[in-house]
Amino acid sequence: MISNCFENYQLILLSEGHLRELYNWNMAEENFEQYTCRPLKLQKPYDEYFNEMLYSFDNIKEKNYILVHKDHKGVPLGKIRLFDYNARNHSAEFGYYLPEHNRNKGIGSIMLDLFINISFADSDYKLNKLYATTASNNNPSIKLLENNGFRIDGKLREHYWINGSKYDQCVYSILKSELIK
């Protein structure tokens, strides 16, 4: 699935050296309520965020990756996180984020394509299914998922309350058998 333009990018595991940049993304984001249905929390001080993220590095149920351009010395362009790993069902949920200055540039497609390939090839997980959720009004996210082979499994009605409006939560998935060989 990786085309020639993807050769300049790689998905690497998040490390301590990237945490300040990701924290800065969190601090600069003005519209978090549009990207999650989970309760919104005030941003923690950096030292708390740092310690929480360090704990996630050793958690088998999740993996945090960042997308980097090979020529730019590991500067993060976006992040993608595998979580809610279910060994019995060989499935995992994931979420992704691009800071505003990296949106609408094709970076999300590159990151998602690399993530799909890495996740299904990961022998620790032996995944059959990857899934993600997004709000029904998040057209860029819906387009990203659908353009990368994800199919809608269903909707949780009025699951998101964003700025006083109600939106459905769309559940998308892709199966390992659906990948282009």
N, C-alpha and C. Protein backbone atom coordinates (compact mmCIF):
# COMPACT_ATOMS: atom_id res chain seq x y z
N MET A 1 0.80 -1.20 0.00
CA MET A 1 0.00 0.00 0.00
C MET A 1 0.85 1.27 0.00
N ILE A 2 2.12 1.17 0.31
CA ILE A 2 2.96 2.36 0.40
C ILE A 2 3.43 2.78 -0.98
N SER A 3 3.12 4.02 -1.34
CA SER A 3 3.54 4.53 -2.64
C SER A 3 4.86 5.28 -2.50
N ASN A 4 5.40 5.73 -3.63
CA ASN A 4 6.71 6.39 -3.62
C ASN A 4 6.75 7.64 -2.74
N CYS A 5 5.66 8.43 -2.70
CA CYS A 5 5.69 9.66 -1.89
C CYS A 5 5.79 9.32 -0.41
N PHE A 6 5.41 8.11 -0.03
CA PHE A 6 5.46 7.71 1.38
C PHE A 6 6.88 7.36 1.81
N GLU A 7 7.77 7.14 0.87
CA GLU A 7 9.13 6.73 1.20
C GLU A 7 9.89 7.80 1.99
N ASN A 8 9.45 9.05 1.93
CA ASN A 8 10.11 10.12 2.65
C ASN A 8 9.66 10.23 4.11
N TYR A 9 8.68 9.42 4.48
CA TYR A 9 8.10 9.48 5.83
C TYR A 9 8.26 8.15 6.53
N GLN A 10 8.24 8.22 7.85
CA GLN A 10 8.20 6.99 8.62
C GLN A 10 7.40 7.22 9.89
N LEU A 11 6.82 6.14 10.35
CA LEU A 11 6.08 6.14 11.60
C LEU A 11 6.98 5.51 12.64
N ILE A 12 7.26 6.25 13.71
CA ILE A 12 8.14 5.73 14.75
C ILE A 12 7.42 5.77 16.09
N LEU A 13 7.87 4.93 17.00
CA LEU A 13 7.29 4.95 18.34
C LEU A 13 7.62 6.27 19.02
N LEU A 14 6.64 6.79 19.70
CA LEU A 14 6.82 8.01 20.47
C LEU A 14 7.88 7.79 21.54
N SER A 15 8.74 8.77 21.72
CA SER A 15 9.77 8.69 22.76
C SER A 15 9.73 9.97 23.61
N GLU A 16 10.48 9.95 24.69
CA GLU A 16 10.52 11.10 25.60
C GLU A 16 10.87 12.40 24.89
N GLY A 17 11.74 12.32 23.91
CA GLY A 17 12.18 13.51 23.20
C GLY A 17 11.10 14.21 22.40
N HIS A 18 9.98 13.55 22.16
CA HIS A 18 8.88 14.13 21.38
C HIS A 18 7.80 14.75 22.25
N LEU A 19 7.85 14.49 23.53
CA LEU A 19 6.72 14.85 24.39
C LEU A 19 6.50 16.35 24.51
N ARG A 20 7.55 17.14 24.53
CA ARG A 20 7.38 18.59 24.63
C ARG A 20 6.61 19.12 23.42
N GLU A 21 6.95 18.64 22.22
CA GLU A 21 6.27 19.10 21.00
C GLU A 21 4.79 18.71 21.04
N LEU A 22 4.48 17.49 21.45
CA LEU A 22 3.09 17.05 21.52
C LEU A 22 2.32 17.83 22.58
N TYR A 23 2.97 18.10 23.67
CA TYR A 23 2.35 18.92 24.72
C TYR A 23 2.03 20.31 24.17
N ASN A 24 2.95 20.87 23.42
CA ASN A 24 2.72 22.19 22.83
C ASN A 24 1.54 22.16 21.86
N TRP A 25 1.38 21.06 21.12
CA TRP A 25 0.21 20.92 20.24
C TRP A 25 -1.07 20.99 21.07
N ASN A 26 -1.08 20.26 22.19
CA ASN A 26 -2.25 20.25 23.05
C ASN A 26 -2.57 21.65 23.56
N MET A 27 -1.56 22.37 23.94
CA MET A 27 -1.76 23.72 24.48
C MET A 27 -2.27 24.69 23.40
N ALA A 28 -1.85 24.48 22.16
CA ALA A 28 -2.23 25.39 21.09
C ALA A 28 -3.60 25.06 20.48
N GLU A 29 -4.08 23.83 20.64
CA GLU A 29 -5.35 23.41 20.02
C GLU A 29 -6.53 24.12 20.68
N GLU A 30 -7.32 24.78 19.87
CA GLU A 30 -8.47 25.52 20.38
C GLU A 30 -9.79 24.74 20.26
N ASN A 31 -9.77 23.63 19.54
CA ASN A 31 -11.03 22.94 19.24
C ASN A 31 -11.05 21.47 19.64
N PHE A 32 -10.49 21.13 20.79
CA PHE A 32 -10.45 19.73 21.21
C PHE A 32 -11.82 19.10 21.27
N GLU A 33 -12.83 19.88 21.62
CA GLU A 33 -14.18 19.31 21.74
C GLU A 33 -14.67 18.71 20.43
N GLN A 34 -14.09 19.09 19.32
CA GLN A 34 -14.49 18.56 18.03
C GLN A 34 -13.81 17.23 17.72
N TYR A 35 -12.84 16.82 18.51
CA TYR A 35 -12.05 15.65 18.18
C TYR A 35 -12.22 14.48 19.13
N THR A 36 -13.08 14.62 20.13
CA THR A 36 -13.28 13.52 21.07
C THR A 36 -14.68 13.57 21.65
N CYS A 37 -15.21 12.40 22.00
CA CYS A 37 -16.49 12.37 22.71
C CYS A 37 -16.24 12.16 24.20
N ARG A 38 -15.00 11.98 24.57
CA ARG A 38 -14.66 11.77 25.97
C ARG A 38 -14.73 13.11 26.72
N PRO A 39 -14.88 13.04 28.04
CA PRO A 39 -14.96 14.30 28.80
C PRO A 39 -13.72 15.16 28.57
N LEU A 40 -13.93 16.45 28.43
CA LEU A 40 -12.83 17.38 28.24
C LEU A 40 -12.22 17.73 29.59
N LYS A 41 -10.89 17.76 29.62
CA LYS A 41 -10.18 18.08 30.85
C LYS A 41 -9.25 19.25 30.57
N LEU A 42 -8.98 20.01 31.60
CA LEU A 42 -7.98 21.06 31.46
C LEU A 42 -6.63 20.40 31.24
N GLN A 43 -5.79 21.04 30.44
CA GLN A 43 -4.46 20.51 30.18
C GLN A 43 -3.66 20.48 31.48
N LYS A 44 -3.05 19.34 31.73
CA LYS A 44 -2.23 19.16 32.93
C LYS A 44 -0.92 19.93 32.76
N PRO A 45 -0.28 20.23 33.89
CA PRO A 45 1.07 20.80 33.78
C PRO A 45 1.98 19.80 33.07
N TYR A 46 3.04 20.31 32.46
CA TYR A 46 3.90 19.46 31.64
C TYR A 46 4.46 18.27 32.40
N ASP A 47 4.87 18.44 33.64
CA ASP A 47 5.46 17.32 34.37
C ASP A 47 4.46 16.19 34.59
N GLU A 48 3.18 16.51 34.83
CA GLU A 48 2.16 15.47 34.97
C GLU A 48 1.91 14.78 33.62
N TYR A 49 1.81 15.57 32.57
CA TYR A 49 1.63 15.02 31.23
C TYR A 49 2.80 14.08 30.89
N PHE A 50 4.02 14.53 31.15
CA PHE A 50 5.23 13.76 30.87
C PHE A 50 5.18 12.41 31.59
N ASN A 51 4.89 12.41 32.88
CA ASN A 51 4.84 11.17 33.65
C ASN A 51 3.74 10.23 33.18
N GLU A 52 2.59 10.78 32.83
CA GLU A 52 1.49 9.97 32.31
C GLU A 52 1.88 9.31 30.98
N MET A 53 2.53 10.07 30.13
CA MET A 53 2.94 9.52 28.84
C MET A 53 4.04 8.47 29.01
N LEU A 54 4.95 8.68 29.95
CA LEU A 54 5.99 7.67 30.21
C LEU A 54 5.36 6.34 30.60
N TYR A 55 4.33 6.37 31.39
CA TYR A 55 3.63 5.15 31.80
C TYR A 55 3.07 4.43 30.56
N SER A 56 2.56 5.18 29.60
CA SER A 56 1.96 4.56 28.41
C SER A 56 3.00 3.84 27.55
N PHE A 57 4.27 4.21 27.67
CA PHE A 57 5.31 3.57 26.86
C PHE A 57 5.43 2.08 27.18
N ASP A 58 5.15 1.70 28.41
CA ASP A 58 5.29 0.31 28.84
C ASP A 58 3.97 -0.46 28.85
N ASN A 59 2.91 0.16 28.40
CA ASN A 59 1.59 -0.46 28.44
C ASN A 59 1.35 -1.26 27.16
N ILE A 60 1.24 -2.59 27.26
CA ILE A 60 1.06 -3.45 26.07
C ILE A 60 -0.26 -3.16 25.37
N LYS A 61 -1.22 -2.60 26.07
CA LYS A 61 -2.54 -2.37 25.47
C LYS A 61 -2.58 -1.12 24.60
N GLU A 62 -1.48 -0.39 24.52
CA GLU A 62 -1.46 0.77 23.64
C GLU A 62 -0.06 1.02 23.10
N LYS A 63 -0.03 1.64 21.93
CA LYS A 63 1.23 2.07 21.32
C LYS A 63 1.00 3.45 20.73
N ASN A 64 1.94 4.32 20.98
CA ASN A 64 1.87 5.69 20.47
C ASN A 64 2.96 5.89 19.42
N TYR A 65 2.54 6.38 18.27
CA TYR A 65 3.46 6.62 17.17
C TYR A 65 3.41 8.09 16.77
N ILE A 66 4.48 8.54 16.16
CA ILE A 66 4.48 9.85 15.51
C ILE A 66 4.95 9.66 14.07
N LEU A 67 4.45 10.51 13.21
CA LEU A 67 4.90 10.54 11.83
C LEU A 67 6.00 11.58 11.72
N VAL A 68 7.10 11.20 11.07
CA VAL A 68 8.21 12.13 10.84
C VAL A 68 8.61 12.06 9.38
N HIS A 69 9.16 13.16 8.89
CA HIS A 69 9.78 13.20 7.57
C HIS A 69 11.22 12.79 7.79
N LYS A 70 11.72 11.88 6.98
CA LYS A 70 13.07 11.35 7.18
C LYS A 70 14.16 12.41 7.12
N ASP A 71 13.93 13.50 6.39
CA ASP A 71 14.95 14.54 6.25
C ASP A 71 14.88 15.63 7.32
N HIS A 72 13.91 15.55 8.22
CA HIS A 72 13.73 16.64 9.18
C HIS A 72 14.03 16.23 10.63
N LYS A 73 14.94 15.32 10.81
CA LYS A 73 15.51 14.97 12.11
C LYS A 73 14.47 14.64 13.18
N GLY A 74 13.45 13.90 12.81
CA GLY A 74 12.50 13.41 13.80
C GLY A 74 11.49 14.40 14.33
N VAL A 75 11.30 15.53 13.65
CA VAL A 75 10.29 16.49 14.08
C VAL A 75 8.91 15.89 13.83
N PRO A 76 8.07 15.76 14.87
CA PRO A 76 6.74 15.15 14.69
C PRO A 76 5.83 15.98 13.79
N LEU A 77 5.14 15.27 12.90
CA LEU A 77 4.16 15.92 12.02
C LEU A 77 2.74 15.61 12.47
N GLY A 78 2.54 14.47 13.08
CA GLY A 78 1.24 14.02 13.55
C GLY A 78 1.44 12.85 14.49
N LYS A 79 0.39 12.49 15.20
CA LYS A 79 0.49 11.34 16.10
C LYS A 79 -0.70 10.42 15.87
N ILE A 80 -0.48 9.16 16.15
CA ILE A 80 -1.53 8.15 16.02
C ILE A 80 -1.32 7.13 17.13
N ARG A 81 -2.40 6.75 17.77
CA ARG A 81 -2.32 5.92 18.97
C ARG A 81 -3.23 4.71 18.85
N LEU A 82 -2.66 3.54 19.06
CA LEU A 82 -3.41 2.29 19.13
C LEU A 82 -3.73 2.06 20.61
N PHE A 83 -5.00 1.78 20.91
CA PHE A 83 -5.39 1.56 22.30
C PHE A 83 -6.59 0.62 22.34
N ASP A 84 -7.04 0.31 23.52
CA ASP A 84 -8.16 -0.61 23.73
C ASP A 84 -7.94 -1.93 23.00
N TYR A 85 -6.70 -2.42 23.09
CA TYR A 85 -6.34 -3.70 22.47
C TYR A 85 -7.12 -4.82 23.14
N ASN A 86 -7.73 -5.68 22.34
CA ASN A 86 -8.50 -6.81 22.83
C ASN A 86 -7.89 -8.08 22.26
N ALA A 87 -7.12 -8.80 23.08
CA ALA A 87 -6.42 -10.01 22.62
C ALA A 87 -7.39 -11.10 22.21
N ARG A 88 -8.48 -11.21 22.90
CA ARG A 88 -9.46 -12.26 22.58
C ARG A 88 -10.07 -12.05 21.19
N ASN A 89 -10.39 -10.81 20.88
CA ASN A 89 -11.05 -10.51 19.60
C ASN A 89 -10.08 -10.04 18.53
N HIS A 90 -8.79 -9.97 18.84
CA HIS A 90 -7.77 -9.54 17.87
C HIS A 90 -8.13 -8.20 17.24
N SER A 91 -8.53 -7.25 18.10
CA SER A 91 -8.93 -5.94 17.60
C SER A 91 -8.32 -4.84 18.48
N ALA A 92 -8.29 -3.65 17.93
CA ALA A 92 -7.82 -2.49 18.67
C ALA A 92 -8.43 -1.23 18.07
N GLU A 93 -8.64 -0.26 18.93
CA GLU A 93 -9.11 1.05 18.49
C GLU A 93 -7.89 1.94 18.28
N PHE A 94 -8.05 2.97 17.49
CA PHE A 94 -6.98 3.94 17.34
C PHE A 94 -7.55 5.33 17.18
N GLY A 95 -6.72 6.31 17.45
CA GLY A 95 -7.07 7.70 17.26
C GLY A 95 -5.86 8.43 16.71
N TYR A 96 -6.10 9.53 16.05
CA TYR A 96 -5.02 10.26 15.41
C TYR A 96 -5.23 11.75 15.60
N TYR A 97 -4.15 12.48 15.42
CA TYR A 97 -4.21 13.92 15.57
C TYR A 97 -3.13 14.57 14.73
N LEU A 98 -3.51 15.61 14.06
CA LEU A 98 -2.57 16.47 13.34
C LEU A 98 -2.73 17.88 13.87
N PRO A 99 -1.63 18.56 14.20
CA PRO A 99 -1.76 19.96 14.59
C PRO A 99 -2.25 20.77 13.39
N GLU A 100 -2.88 21.87 13.68
CA GLU A 100 -3.53 22.66 12.63
C GLU A 100 -2.61 22.97 11.45
N HIS A 101 -1.35 23.27 11.70
CA HIS A 101 -0.43 23.65 10.62
C HIS A 101 -0.09 22.47 9.70
N ASN A 102 -0.47 21.24 10.07
CA ASN A 102 -0.19 20.08 9.22
C ASN A 102 -1.46 19.46 8.62
N ARG A 103 -2.59 20.12 8.77
CA ARG A 103 -3.84 19.60 8.22
C ARG A 103 -3.98 19.99 6.75
N ASN A 104 -4.74 19.18 6.03
CA ASN A 104 -5.06 19.42 4.61
C ASN A 104 -3.83 19.41 3.71
N LYS A 105 -2.85 18.58 4.05
CA LYS A 105 -1.63 18.46 3.25
C LYS A 105 -1.36 17.02 2.82
N GLY A 106 -2.28 16.09 3.12
CA GLY A 106 -2.07 14.69 2.78
C GLY A 106 -1.29 13.91 3.83
N ILE A 107 -0.89 14.58 4.89
CA ILE A 107 -0.09 13.94 5.93
C ILE A 107 -0.91 12.87 6.67
N GLY A 108 -2.19 13.14 6.89
CA GLY A 108 -3.04 12.17 7.57
C GLY A 108 -3.13 10.86 6.82
N SER A 109 -3.24 10.92 5.49
CA SER A 109 -3.31 9.70 4.68
C SER A 109 -2.01 8.90 4.75
N ILE A 110 -0.91 9.61 4.72
CA ILE A 110 0.39 8.93 4.83
C ILE A 110 0.50 8.25 6.19
N MET A 111 0.17 8.99 7.24
CA MET A 111 0.27 8.45 8.59
C MET A 111 -0.65 7.24 8.77
N LEU A 112 -1.88 7.33 8.29
CA LEU A 112 -2.83 6.24 8.46
C LEU A 112 -2.41 5.01 7.66
N ASP A 113 -1.93 5.20 6.45
CA ASP A 113 -1.49 4.08 5.63
C ASP A 113 -0.33 3.34 6.30
N LEU A 114 0.65 4.08 6.78
CA LEU A 114 1.77 3.46 7.48
C LEU A 114 1.32 2.74 8.74
N PHE A 115 0.40 3.36 9.47
CA PHE A 115 -0.12 2.78 10.71
C PHE A 115 -0.86 1.46 10.44
N ILE A 116 -1.67 1.43 9.42
CA ILE A 116 -2.41 0.20 9.08
C ILE A 116 -1.42 -0.93 8.83
N ASN A 117 -0.43 -0.67 8.03
CA ASN A 117 0.56 -1.70 7.69
C ASN A 117 1.35 -2.16 8.92
N ILE A 118 1.80 -1.23 9.73
CA ILE A 118 2.55 -1.58 10.94
C ILE A 118 1.68 -2.37 11.91
N SER A 119 0.46 -1.94 12.10
CA SER A 119 -0.42 -2.58 13.08
C SER A 119 -0.78 -4.00 12.71
N PHE A 120 -1.12 -4.23 11.46
CA PHE A 120 -1.48 -5.59 11.05
C PHE A 120 -0.26 -6.51 10.97
N ALA A 121 0.93 -5.94 10.82
CA ALA A 121 2.15 -6.75 10.78
C ALA A 121 2.73 -7.02 12.17
N ASP A 122 2.23 -6.33 13.19
CA ASP A 122 2.77 -6.43 14.54
C ASP A 122 2.46 -7.80 15.15
N SER A 123 3.50 -8.60 15.36
CA SER A 123 3.31 -9.97 15.87
C SER A 123 2.91 -9.99 17.35
N ASP A 124 3.08 -8.89 18.07
CA ASP A 124 2.61 -8.83 19.46
C ASP A 124 1.09 -8.82 19.53
N TYR A 125 0.44 -8.25 18.52
CA TYR A 125 -1.00 -8.08 18.56
C TYR A 125 -1.78 -9.10 17.72
N LYS A 126 -1.24 -9.49 16.58
CA LYS A 126 -1.95 -10.41 15.68
C LYS A 126 -3.37 -9.92 15.41
N LEU A 127 -3.47 -8.66 14.99
CA LEU A 127 -4.77 -8.03 14.80
C LEU A 127 -5.50 -8.55 13.57
N ASN A 128 -6.79 -8.63 13.69
CA ASN A 128 -7.69 -8.91 12.57
C ASN A 128 -8.47 -7.65 12.21
N LYS A 129 -8.63 -6.73 13.18
CA LYS A 129 -9.49 -5.57 12.96
C LYS A 129 -8.92 -4.34 13.66
N LEU A 130 -8.95 -3.22 12.95
CA LEU A 130 -8.66 -1.90 13.51
C LEU A 130 -9.93 -1.08 13.39
N TYR A 131 -10.23 -0.28 14.42
CA TYR A 131 -11.42 0.57 14.32
C TYR A 131 -11.16 1.94 14.93
N ALA A 132 -11.93 2.90 14.47
CA ALA A 132 -11.84 4.27 14.95
C ALA A 132 -13.24 4.86 14.99
N THR A 133 -13.39 5.89 15.81
CA THR A 133 -14.66 6.60 15.87
C THR A 133 -14.43 8.06 15.54
N THR A 134 -15.47 8.69 15.02
CA THR A 134 -15.41 10.11 14.72
C THR A 134 -16.82 10.67 14.74
N ALA A 135 -16.93 11.95 14.94
CA ALA A 135 -18.23 12.62 14.94
C ALA A 135 -18.75 12.73 13.51
N SER A 136 -20.06 12.66 13.37
CA SER A 136 -20.68 12.71 12.04
C SER A 136 -20.46 14.05 11.34
N ASN A 137 -20.07 15.08 12.07
CA ASN A 137 -19.79 16.36 11.43
C ASN A 137 -18.31 16.56 11.11
N ASN A 138 -17.48 15.56 11.42
CA ASN A 138 -16.03 15.67 11.17
C ASN A 138 -15.73 15.11 9.78
N ASN A 139 -16.08 15.87 8.77
CA ASN A 139 -15.93 15.41 7.38
C ASN A 139 -14.49 15.08 7.00
N PRO A 140 -13.48 15.84 7.43
CA PRO A 140 -12.10 15.44 7.08
C PRO A 140 -11.73 14.06 7.63
N SER A 141 -12.15 13.75 8.85
CA SER A 141 -11.84 12.45 9.44
C SER A 141 -12.59 11.33 8.72
N ILE A 142 -13.86 11.55 8.41
CA ILE A 142 -14.65 10.56 7.69
C ILE A 142 -14.02 10.28 6.33
N LYS A 143 -13.63 11.34 5.63
CA LYS A 143 -12.99 11.19 4.31
C LYS A 143 -11.68 10.43 4.42
N LEU A 144 -10.88 10.75 5.44
CA LEU A 144 -9.59 10.07 5.65
C LEU A 144 -9.81 8.57 5.84
N LEU A 145 -10.74 8.21 6.71
CA LEU A 145 -11.00 6.80 6.97
C LEU A 145 -11.52 6.09 5.72
N GLU A 146 -12.51 6.67 5.08
CA GLU A 146 -13.09 6.02 3.90
C GLU A 146 -12.09 5.91 2.75
N ASN A 147 -11.25 6.93 2.56
CA ASN A 147 -10.25 6.88 1.49
C ASN A 147 -9.15 5.85 1.76
N ASN A 148 -9.05 5.40 3.00
CA ASN A 148 -8.05 4.40 3.36
C ASN A 148 -8.66 3.02 3.58
N GLY A 149 -9.86 2.81 3.05
CA GLY A 149 -10.47 1.48 3.04
C GLY A 149 -11.34 1.13 4.23
N PHE A 150 -11.57 2.06 5.13
CA PHE A 150 -12.42 1.78 6.28
C PHE A 150 -13.89 1.83 5.88
N ARG A 151 -14.67 0.99 6.51
CA ARG A 151 -16.11 0.93 6.27
C ARG A 151 -16.84 1.29 7.55
N ILE A 152 -17.99 1.89 7.40
CA ILE A 152 -18.76 2.26 8.58
C ILE A 152 -19.45 1.01 9.14
N ASP A 153 -19.26 0.80 10.44
CA ASP A 153 -19.90 -0.33 11.12
C ASP A 153 -21.24 0.09 11.72
N GLY A 154 -21.34 1.34 12.11
CA GLY A 154 -22.58 1.80 12.73
C GLY A 154 -22.40 3.18 13.33
N LYS A 155 -23.46 3.63 13.98
CA LYS A 155 -23.46 4.95 14.61
C LYS A 155 -24.05 4.86 16.00
N LEU A 156 -23.48 5.65 16.89
CA LEU A 156 -24.08 5.88 18.20
C LEU A 156 -24.78 7.23 18.09
N ARG A 157 -26.08 7.21 18.19
CA ARG A 157 -26.86 8.41 17.92
C ARG A 157 -26.65 9.48 18.98
N GLU A 158 -26.51 10.73 18.52
CA GLU A 158 -26.35 11.91 19.38
C GLU A 158 -25.34 11.67 20.50
N HIS A 159 -24.23 11.08 20.15
CA HIS A 159 -23.20 10.71 21.13
C HIS A 159 -22.25 11.87 21.43
N TYR A 160 -22.10 12.78 20.50
CA TYR A 160 -21.25 13.95 20.68
C TYR A 160 -22.12 15.18 20.92
N TRP A 161 -21.76 15.95 21.90
CA TRP A 161 -22.37 17.25 22.14
C TRP A 161 -21.25 18.28 21.95
N ILE A 162 -21.31 19.00 20.85
CA ILE A 162 -20.25 19.94 20.50
C ILE A 162 -20.87 21.32 20.36
N ASN A 163 -20.44 22.21 21.21
CA ASN A 163 -20.94 23.60 21.18
C ASN A 163 -22.46 23.66 21.15
N GLY A 164 -23.10 22.81 21.96
CA GLY A 164 -24.55 22.83 22.08
C GLY A 164 -25.30 22.06 21.00
N SER A 165 -24.59 21.50 20.02
CA SER A 165 -25.24 20.70 18.97
C SER A 165 -24.92 19.23 19.18
N LYS A 166 -25.84 18.36 18.75
CA LYS A 166 -25.68 16.92 18.92
C LYS A 166 -25.30 16.28 17.59
N TYR A 167 -24.33 15.35 17.64
CA TYR A 167 -23.87 14.65 16.45
C TYR A 167 -23.73 13.16 16.77
N ASP A 168 -23.91 12.36 15.75
CA ASP A 168 -23.72 10.92 15.90
C ASP A 168 -22.23 10.61 15.97
N GLN A 169 -21.91 9.50 16.64
CA GLN A 169 -20.54 8.98 16.61
C GLN A 169 -20.53 7.87 15.57
N CYS A 170 -19.68 8.00 14.58
CA CYS A 170 -19.54 7.01 13.52
C CYS A 170 -18.40 6.05 13.87
N VAL A 171 -18.68 4.76 13.78
CA VAL A 171 -17.68 3.74 14.07
C VAL A 171 -17.24 3.14 12.74
N TYR A 172 -15.94 3.24 12.45
CA TYR A 172 -15.35 2.73 11.21
C TYR A 172 -14.36 1.62 11.53
N SER A 173 -14.27 0.63 10.64
CA SER A 173 -13.27 -0.42 10.84
C SER A 173 -12.71 -0.89 9.50
N ILE A 174 -11.59 -1.57 9.61
CA ILE A 174 -10.97 -2.26 8.48
C ILE A 174 -10.48 -3.60 8.99
N LEU A 175 -10.67 -4.64 8.18
CA LEU A 175 -10.22 -5.98 8.51
C LEU A 175 -8.91 -6.28 7.79
N LYS A 176 -8.11 -7.11 8.38
CA LYS A 176 -6.84 -7.48 7.77
C LYS A 176 -7.08 -8.08 6.39
N SER A 177 -8.14 -8.86 6.23
CA SER A 177 -8.44 -9.51 4.95
C SER A 177 -8.82 -8.51 3.85
N GLU A 178 -9.15 -7.27 4.24
CA GLU A 178 -9.53 -6.26 3.27
C GLU A 178 -8.36 -5.47 2.70
N LEU A 179 -7.18 -5.70 3.25
CA LEU A 179 -6.01 -4.98 2.74
C LEU A 179 -5.66 -5.45 1.36
N ILE A 180 -5.20 -4.52 0.54
CA ILE A 180 -4.73 -4.88 -0.81
C ILE A 180 -3.41 -5.60 -0.65
N LYS A 181 -3.33 -6.78 -1.22
CA LYS A 181 -2.10 -7.59 -1.11
C LYS A 181 -1.10 -7.17 -2.15
